[in-house]
Protein backbone atom coordinates (compact mmCIF):
# COMPACT_ATOMS: atom_id res chain seq x y z
CA MET A 1 -10.03 27.46 31.04
CA ASP A 2 -13.59 27.67 29.30
CA LYS A 3 -16.53 27.94 32.28
CA THR A 4 -18.92 26.71 30.10
CA GLN A 5 -17.34 23.70 29.73
CA THR A 6 -18.65 20.43 31.72
CA LEU A 7 -16.52 18.53 33.96
CA THR A 8 -16.08 15.65 31.62
CA GLU A 9 -15.23 18.21 28.56
CA ARG A 10 -12.49 19.32 30.73
CA ASP A 11 -11.08 15.91 30.99
CA PRO A 12 -8.44 14.80 28.34
CA ARG A 13 -9.77 11.63 28.08
CA TRP A 14 -12.94 13.26 26.19
CA GLN A 15 -10.92 14.15 23.62
CA SER A 16 -10.09 10.93 22.51
CA VAL A 17 -13.97 9.95 22.56
CA VAL A 18 -14.28 12.64 20.19
CA ASP A 19 -11.63 11.98 18.13
CA ARG A 20 -12.59 8.00 18.33
CA ASP A 21 -9.17 7.52 18.98
CA ALA A 22 -8.08 3.84 18.43
CA ASP A 23 -4.88 4.26 19.81
CA ALA A 24 -6.72 5.02 23.29
CA ASP A 25 -8.67 1.78 23.21
CA GLY A 26 -7.49 -0.31 26.58
CA ARG A 27 -6.65 2.89 28.81
CA PHE A 28 -9.69 3.43 29.66
CA VAL A 29 -13.82 3.03 28.85
CA PHE A 30 -16.36 5.76 28.79
CA ALA A 31 -20.24 4.88 30.04
CA VAL A 32 -23.34 6.98 29.04
CA ARG A 33 -25.67 7.44 32.10
CA THR A 34 -28.86 7.43 29.83
CA THR A 35 -28.49 4.10 27.91
CA GLY A 36 -26.52 2.31 30.69
CA VAL A 37 -23.95 0.86 28.42
CA TYR A 38 -19.81 1.58 28.57
CA CYS A 39 -17.84 1.64 25.23
CA ARG A 40 -14.15 1.95 23.93
CA PRO A 41 -12.97 5.47 23.03
CA SER A 42 -13.12 4.35 19.42
CA CYS A 43 -16.43 3.04 19.58
CA PRO A 44 -18.39 3.93 15.85
CA SER A 45 -21.91 4.69 17.98
CA ARG A 46 -23.43 7.86 18.02
CA ARG A 47 -21.55 10.24 20.30
CA ALA A 48 -23.38 10.98 23.64
CA ARG A 49 -23.72 14.46 25.15
CA ALA A 50 -20.73 14.95 27.23
CA ALA A 51 -22.95 15.54 30.54
CA ASN A 52 -24.02 12.04 30.05
CA VAL A 53 -20.39 10.29 30.26
CA ALA A 54 -18.63 9.03 32.75
CA PHE A 55 -14.93 7.52 32.52
CA PHE A 56 -13.43 4.43 34.02
CA ASP A 57 -10.23 2.66 34.00
CA THR A 58 -11.28 -0.67 33.31
CA PRO A 59 -14.54 -2.37 31.99
CA ALA A 60 -14.84 -4.47 35.46
CA ALA A 61 -14.64 -0.70 37.26
CA ALA A 62 -17.83 0.24 34.79
CA GLU A 63 -19.69 -2.93 35.21
CA ALA A 64 -19.36 -2.46 39.11
CA GLN A 65 -21.62 0.41 38.54
CA GLY A 66 -24.12 -1.15 36.54
CA TYR A 67 -23.04 -0.48 32.97
CA ARG A 68 -23.23 -3.15 30.44
CA PRO A 69 -20.37 -3.49 27.51
CA CYS A 70 -21.57 -2.09 24.01
CA LEU A 71 -22.43 -4.86 21.47
CA ARG A 72 -21.44 -2.56 18.73
CA CYS A 73 -17.52 -1.91 19.87
CA ASN A 74 -17.38 -4.87 22.30
CA PRO A 75 -15.24 -3.42 24.71
CA THR A 76 -14.17 -6.23 26.99
CA GLY A 77 -12.78 -8.25 23.57
CA MET A 78 -10.14 -7.58 21.15
CA THR A 79 -9.96 -4.21 19.28
CA ALA A 80 -10.55 -4.12 15.67
CA SER A 81 -6.99 -3.33 15.41
CA GLN A 82 -5.97 -6.57 17.17
CA ALA A 83 -8.55 -8.32 15.40
CA ASN A 84 -7.50 -7.15 11.87
CA ALA A 85 -4.04 -7.72 12.80
CA LEU A 86 -4.92 -11.85 13.65
CA ILE A 87 -6.92 -11.76 10.16
CA VAL A 88 -3.74 -10.59 8.11
CA ALA A 89 -1.56 -12.67 9.67
CA GLU A 90 -4.09 -15.41 8.59
CA ALA A 91 -3.91 -13.96 4.92
CA CYS A 92 -0.22 -14.26 5.05
CA ARG A 93 -0.63 -18.02 6.07
CA ILE A 94 -2.96 -18.56 3.19
CA ILE A 95 -0.39 -16.67 0.84
CA GLU A 96 2.59 -19.17 2.02
CA ALA A 97 0.31 -22.07 1.48
CA SER A 98 -0.68 -21.47 -1.98
CA ASP A 99 0.92 -22.42 -5.23
CA ASP A 100 0.01 -19.20 -7.06
CA LEU A 101 -0.56 -15.99 -5.39
CA PRO A 102 -3.93 -15.74 -4.81
CA ARG A 103 -6.36 -13.02 -6.43
CA LEU A 104 -7.32 -10.26 -4.26
CA ASP A 105 -11.18 -10.72 -4.20
CA ASP A 106 -10.47 -14.54 -3.44
CA LEU A 107 -8.08 -14.13 -0.49
CA ALA A 108 -10.63 -11.43 0.75
CA ARG A 109 -13.45 -13.77 0.69
CA ARG A 110 -11.36 -16.53 2.52
CA VAL A 111 -10.95 -14.05 5.41
CA GLY A 112 -14.49 -12.50 5.07
CA PHE A 113 -13.59 -8.87 4.36
CA SER A 114 -14.51 -6.60 1.43
CA ALA A 115 -11.42 -6.50 -1.31
CA HIS A 116 -11.07 -2.64 -0.43
CA TYR A 117 -11.24 -3.22 3.17
CA PHE A 118 -8.78 -5.92 3.10
CA HIS A 119 -6.26 -4.50 0.77
CA ARG A 120 -6.39 -1.45 3.16
CA GLN A 121 -5.73 -2.93 6.33
CA PHE A 122 -3.30 -5.46 4.81
CA LYS A 123 -1.18 -2.30 3.67
CA ALA A 124 -1.62 -0.94 7.06
CA ILE A 125 -0.25 -3.47 8.85
CA THR A 126 2.89 -4.99 6.85
CA GLY A 127 3.59 -2.33 4.76
CA LEU A 128 3.13 -3.99 1.63
CA THR A 129 0.18 -4.98 -0.69
CA PRO A 130 -0.98 -8.59 -0.42
CA ARG A 131 0.69 -9.11 -3.98
CA GLU A 132 3.74 -7.30 -2.85
CA TRP A 133 3.88 -9.43 0.56
CA GLY A 134 3.44 -12.92 -1.55
CA VAL A 135 6.40 -11.69 -4.01
CA ALA A 136 8.98 -10.73 -0.96
CA TYR A 137 7.93 -13.77 0.55
CA ARG A 138 8.99 -16.03 -2.35
CA ALA A 139 11.90 -13.95 -2.83
CA ARG A 140 12.80 -14.92 0.83
CA LYS A 141 12.18 -18.14 0.24
CA VAL A 142 13.89 -18.81 -3.20
CA ARG A 143 17.21 -17.34 -1.03
CA ALA A 144 17.20 -19.59 1.50
CA GLU A 145 16.63 -22.55 -1.15
CA LEU A 146 19.64 -21.44 -3.04
CA GLN A 147 21.85 -21.57 -0.09
CA ASP A 148 21.05 -25.21 0.00
CA LYS A 149 24.05 -26.74 -2.25
CA GLU A 150 21.96 -30.01 -2.63
CA THR A 151 19.22 -28.26 -4.30
CA THR A 152 19.42 -27.29 -7.81
CA VAL A 153 18.82 -24.27 -9.09
CA THR A 154 15.35 -25.31 -10.71
CA GLU A 155 14.04 -27.21 -7.56
CA ALA A 156 14.86 -24.13 -5.63
CA ILE A 157 12.75 -22.02 -7.89
CA TYR A 158 10.12 -24.33 -7.48
CA ASP A 159 10.10 -24.68 -4.06
CA ALA A 160 9.41 -21.06 -3.80
CA GLY A 161 6.34 -21.40 -5.28
CA PHE A 162 7.37 -20.06 -8.80
CA ASN A 163 5.33 -22.60 -11.19
CA ALA A 164 7.75 -21.70 -14.36
CA ASN A 165 11.30 -20.92 -14.48
CA SER A 166 10.43 -18.40 -16.82
CA ARG A 167 8.29 -16.73 -14.52
CA PHE A 168 11.09 -16.30 -11.93
CA TYR A 169 13.94 -15.10 -14.45
CA GLU A 170 11.71 -12.27 -15.71
CA THR A 171 12.07 -10.58 -12.00
CA SER A 172 15.40 -12.56 -11.09
CA ASN A 173 17.90 -9.74 -11.21
CA GLU A 174 15.12 -7.34 -9.03
CA VAL A 175 15.04 -10.21 -6.52
CA LEU A 176 18.38 -11.22 -6.21
CA GLY A 177 20.35 -8.58 -7.90
CA MET A 178 21.75 -11.39 -10.55
CA THR A 179 20.79 -14.57 -11.65
CA PRO A 180 20.14 -17.54 -9.48
CA THR A 181 23.04 -19.60 -10.47
CA ALA A 182 25.50 -16.19 -9.79
CA PHE A 183 23.83 -15.79 -6.72
CA ARG A 184 24.32 -19.32 -5.44
CA ALA A 185 28.24 -18.54 -6.32
CA GLY A 186 28.20 -15.93 -4.25
CA GLY A 187 28.42 -13.35 -7.03
CA LYS A 188 30.60 -15.70 -9.58
CA ASP A 189 31.72 -14.07 -12.60
CA THR A 190 30.09 -10.68 -12.01
CA ASP A 191 32.16 -8.07 -11.80
CA ILE A 192 32.27 -5.29 -9.57
CA ARG A 193 34.42 -2.44 -9.58
CA PHE A 194 35.68 -0.65 -6.37
CA ALA A 195 38.03 2.15 -5.10
CA VAL A 196 38.22 3.17 -1.72
CA ALA A 197 39.03 7.26 -1.52
CA ALA A 198 39.88 9.51 1.71
CA SER A 199 37.37 11.90 2.55
CA ALA A 200 36.79 14.76 5.57
CA LEU A 201 34.49 11.89 6.93
CA GLY A 202 37.06 9.16 6.42
CA ALA A 203 37.73 6.28 3.92
CA ILE A 204 35.12 5.97 1.67
CA LEU A 205 34.29 2.72 -0.80
CA VAL A 206 32.31 3.00 -3.76
CA ALA A 207 31.32 -0.29 -5.76
CA GLU A 208 29.93 -0.53 -8.81
CA SER A 209 28.06 -3.16 -10.84
CA ASP A 210 27.00 -3.05 -14.59
CA LYS A 211 23.74 -1.75 -13.25
CA GLY A 212 25.16 0.91 -11.44
CA ILE A 213 26.61 1.91 -8.02
CA CYS A 214 25.94 -0.87 -5.67
CA ALA A 215 27.76 0.39 -2.69
CA ILE A 216 29.16 3.31 -0.67
CA GLN A 217 30.34 2.51 2.42
CA MET A 218 32.24 4.70 4.98
CA GLY A 219 34.47 3.80 7.75
CA ASP A 220 37.95 4.40 9.60
CA ASP A 221 39.65 1.51 8.20
CA PRO A 222 39.96 1.05 4.19
CA GLU A 223 40.90 -2.63 4.83
CA THR A 224 37.62 -3.15 6.56
CA LEU A 225 35.65 -1.61 3.93
CA VAL A 226 37.31 -3.91 1.37
CA HIS A 227 36.78 -7.15 3.63
CA GLU A 228 32.68 -5.96 4.06
CA LEU A 229 32.67 -6.05 0.30
CA GLU A 230 34.44 -9.37 -0.06
CA ASP A 231 32.08 -10.84 2.39
CA ARG A 232 28.50 -9.69 0.49
CA PHE A 233 29.99 -10.60 -2.63
CA PRO A 234 32.31 -13.94 -1.73
CA ARG A 235 33.18 -15.06 -5.53
CA ALA A 236 32.68 -11.73 -7.74
CA ASN A 237 35.44 -10.31 -9.67
CA LEU A 238 36.20 -7.62 -7.61
CA ILE A 239 38.46 -5.05 -9.86
CA GLY A 240 40.50 -2.39 -8.79
CA GLY A 241 39.01 0.81 -10.05
CA ASP A 242 40.72 2.09 -13.49
CA ALA A 243 41.20 5.86 -14.07
CA ALA A 244 37.32 6.30 -15.73
CA PHE A 245 36.18 4.74 -12.18
CA GLU A 246 38.40 6.84 -10.10
CA ALA A 247 36.68 9.60 -12.00
CA ARG A 248 33.02 8.25 -10.84
CA VAL A 249 34.57 8.22 -7.20
CA ALA A 250 35.69 11.91 -7.13
CA ARG A 251 31.99 12.55 -7.99
CA VAL A 252 30.64 10.74 -5.19
CA ILE A 253 33.61 12.64 -2.98
CA ALA A 254 32.29 15.66 -4.00
CA PHE A 255 28.81 14.77 -3.50
CA VAL A 256 29.68 13.93 -0.03
CA GLU A 257 31.29 17.33 0.66
CA ALA A 258 28.52 19.25 -1.13
CA PRO A 259 25.39 17.05 -1.08
CA ARG A 260 23.33 20.15 -2.92
CA ILE A 261 25.46 19.46 -6.24
CA GLY A 262 23.31 16.03 -6.39
CA LEU A 263 24.55 12.98 -7.89
CA ASP A 264 23.36 11.80 -11.18
CA LEU A 265 25.15 8.27 -11.37
CA PRO A 266 23.02 5.26 -11.94
CA LEU A 267 22.38 3.22 -8.79
CA ASP A 268 21.91 -0.57 -8.57
CA ILE A 269 19.49 -0.86 -5.95
CA ARG A 270 18.99 -4.24 -4.40
CA GLY A 271 16.33 -5.06 -1.75
CA THR A 272 12.82 -5.99 -1.02
CA ALA A 273 10.04 -4.17 -2.57
CA PHE A 274 9.29 -2.83 1.11
CA GLN A 275 12.97 -1.68 1.32
CA GLN A 276 12.81 -0.12 -1.98
CA ARG A 277 9.79 1.69 -1.37
CA VAL A 278 11.53 3.24 1.75
CA TRP A 279 14.75 3.95 -0.10
CA GLN A 280 12.95 5.59 -2.74
CA ALA A 281 10.67 7.83 -0.17
CA LEU A 282 14.58 8.97 1.40
CA ARG A 283 15.56 10.12 -1.66
CA SER A 284 12.75 12.61 -1.89
CA ILE A 285 13.63 14.01 0.89
CA PRO A 286 15.67 17.30 -0.07
CA ALA A 287 19.05 18.28 1.10
CA GLY A 288 18.97 20.32 4.22
CA GLN A 289 15.88 18.82 5.36
CA THR A 290 14.78 15.74 7.70
CA ALA A 291 11.86 13.53 8.11
CA SER A 292 10.89 11.18 11.19
CA TYR A 293 10.66 7.19 10.76
CA ALA A 294 6.84 8.08 11.25
CA ASP A 295 7.04 10.43 8.35
CA VAL A 296 8.75 7.95 6.19
CA ALA A 297 6.14 5.45 6.75
CA ALA A 298 3.23 7.42 6.42
CA ARG A 299 4.82 8.68 2.81
CA ILE A 300 4.99 5.06 1.77
CA GLY A 301 1.23 4.30 3.05
CA ALA A 302 2.50 2.36 6.08
CA PRO A 303 1.96 4.52 9.21
CA LYS A 304 2.25 1.61 11.32
CA SER A 305 5.26 0.22 10.16
CA VAL A 306 7.63 2.64 11.66
CA ARG A 307 9.77 0.01 13.12
CA ALA A 308 10.48 -1.71 9.89
CA VAL A 309 11.04 1.56 8.48
CA ALA A 310 14.03 1.71 10.51
CA GLN A 311 15.35 -1.62 9.90
CA ALA A 312 15.11 -0.40 6.39
CA CYS A 313 17.35 2.31 6.61
CA ALA A 314 19.88 0.27 8.81
CA SER A 315 19.96 -2.08 5.85
CA ASN A 316 20.42 0.56 3.13
CA SER A 317 24.56 -0.16 1.65
CA ILE A 318 24.48 2.98 -0.67
CA ALA A 319 25.24 5.88 1.95
CA VAL A 320 24.23 9.52 0.77
CA ALA A 321 22.80 8.81 -2.56
CA ILE A 322 20.03 6.65 -0.49
CA PRO A 323 20.31 9.42 2.30
CA CYS A 324 19.26 7.47 5.14
CA HIS A 325 21.03 9.99 7.68
CA ARG A 326 18.11 12.47 6.61
CA VAL A 327 15.86 10.29 8.91
CA VAL A 328 15.78 11.49 12.67
CA ARG A 329 13.35 10.62 15.77
CA SER A 330 10.23 12.39 16.21
CA ASP A 331 11.88 14.51 18.75
CA GLY A 332 14.54 15.70 16.36
CA ALA A 333 17.30 13.49 17.99
CA LEU A 334 19.50 11.60 16.04
CA SER A 335 18.96 7.89 16.20
CA GLY A 336 21.47 4.82 14.97
CA TYR A 337 23.18 5.14 11.78
CA ARG A 338 25.02 2.43 10.09
CA TRP A 339 28.18 4.41 9.66
CA GLY A 340 28.25 6.30 12.95
CA ILE A 341 26.34 9.04 14.42
CA GLY A 342 29.20 11.54 14.26
CA ARG A 343 29.32 11.12 10.37
CA LYS A 344 25.54 11.24 10.56
CA ARG A 345 25.80 14.78 12.35
CA ALA A 346 28.41 15.83 10.03
CA LEU A 347 26.59 15.01 6.79
CA LEU A 348 23.35 17.17 8.23
CA ASP A 349 25.57 20.00 9.45
CA ARG A 350 26.92 20.36 5.86
CA GLU A 351 23.60 20.19 4.01
CA ALA A 352 22.26 22.62 6.79
CA VAL A 353 25.02 25.35 5.82
CA ALA A 354 24.92 24.52 2.04
C-alpha cells in the first residue's frame, strides 16, 4: 500500500468518485468539508481534494453532520439514469399514440432533450433507435391485429398505424416473414421443405423456405421436432426433402460436426429489428471463441440491454448457423441453451479442438 495515500484515497469508494461512476449512485454519498455539500459519486462538479472528502452511507447521515445536498447532482432525488428512463418511457408512449412515426427532432423537443442526446439515451435504454422502436411496435401490433379473425387485413394494417397499405407491404416480408394474408392463415400456401437427420448431437431438423434456411433445430425425438415446425407454420405446405434438399441437410450436418468449414447457405432470418441486430452480432463471433451477453450488448451499441440480448438468443430458431451457443455468462460459465446445455458444451468443445 502506498504510504503517501490519504485514508480517503485508500477507501475503494474514492475510485468511484474519481471515475464518476453512475453505477455507484445510491450506494453512498460523499461530502466535501470545504464547501459543506454532499454529492452522488457521479456528480459532474469539479472534483474535490481527497483530503477534504468524507463518505456517508445515506444522504440522511450526511445531513446529520450538517452537510447540504448538491444542487447540481441532486443526491436526494432520482439519478440521471432513472430520470432518463422515465423520459424514454414517455417518448415510447408518444410514438405509440402517433399516427405517423414522429421525426427525431420533434420527439426530442417534446421530451425536453437535444436530438443527439435523446437519440443516444433512447438507444442505450431500449437497444433500438426511436425509429426502430416505432417500427418494431407497429410490427407487434399488426401481428396481434392479424390474429383477430374478425378484422380484415386492411383494417389490421391501418389499426397498427400504417397509413397506407403500400407502406406496410414494402416491409411485410421483413416484419412477418410472409404476406399478411399468409401470416393470418398460419403460413397457408407457403412451401417449406424439411428433413430430419441423425447426427452426433441427436436428431437435427432443417427447414427451408423460398428465401433460405428458416430453421435448424436439435433434439432427442425427431417427431417432436416435426411437431414444433408444424406448430410454427400450422397451415404451410410442409414438404419432405427431395434428393437436392437432402444434400443441403448433409451440408448442415457436416457444419455441425466441423464448424470451421463454414456454412454458405442463404438464411431466412425472421425477427424484430433488435433480434436481427443481436443475431448478426452472434454471426460475427468466430468459431472457437465466445462472448458474454454483456459483450454482445456492447457490440450492438446497447450496453444496458443484456437481458434483452439473452431473450433474443433464446428466440433464435436457426441453431449453429446463428451461433447463440457461443454466448456465455460473464464469468465464462455456460448458461441456458434452447437445445440443451449438453449440446452447447459439445459444440464449443468441437470448435475448441478444431
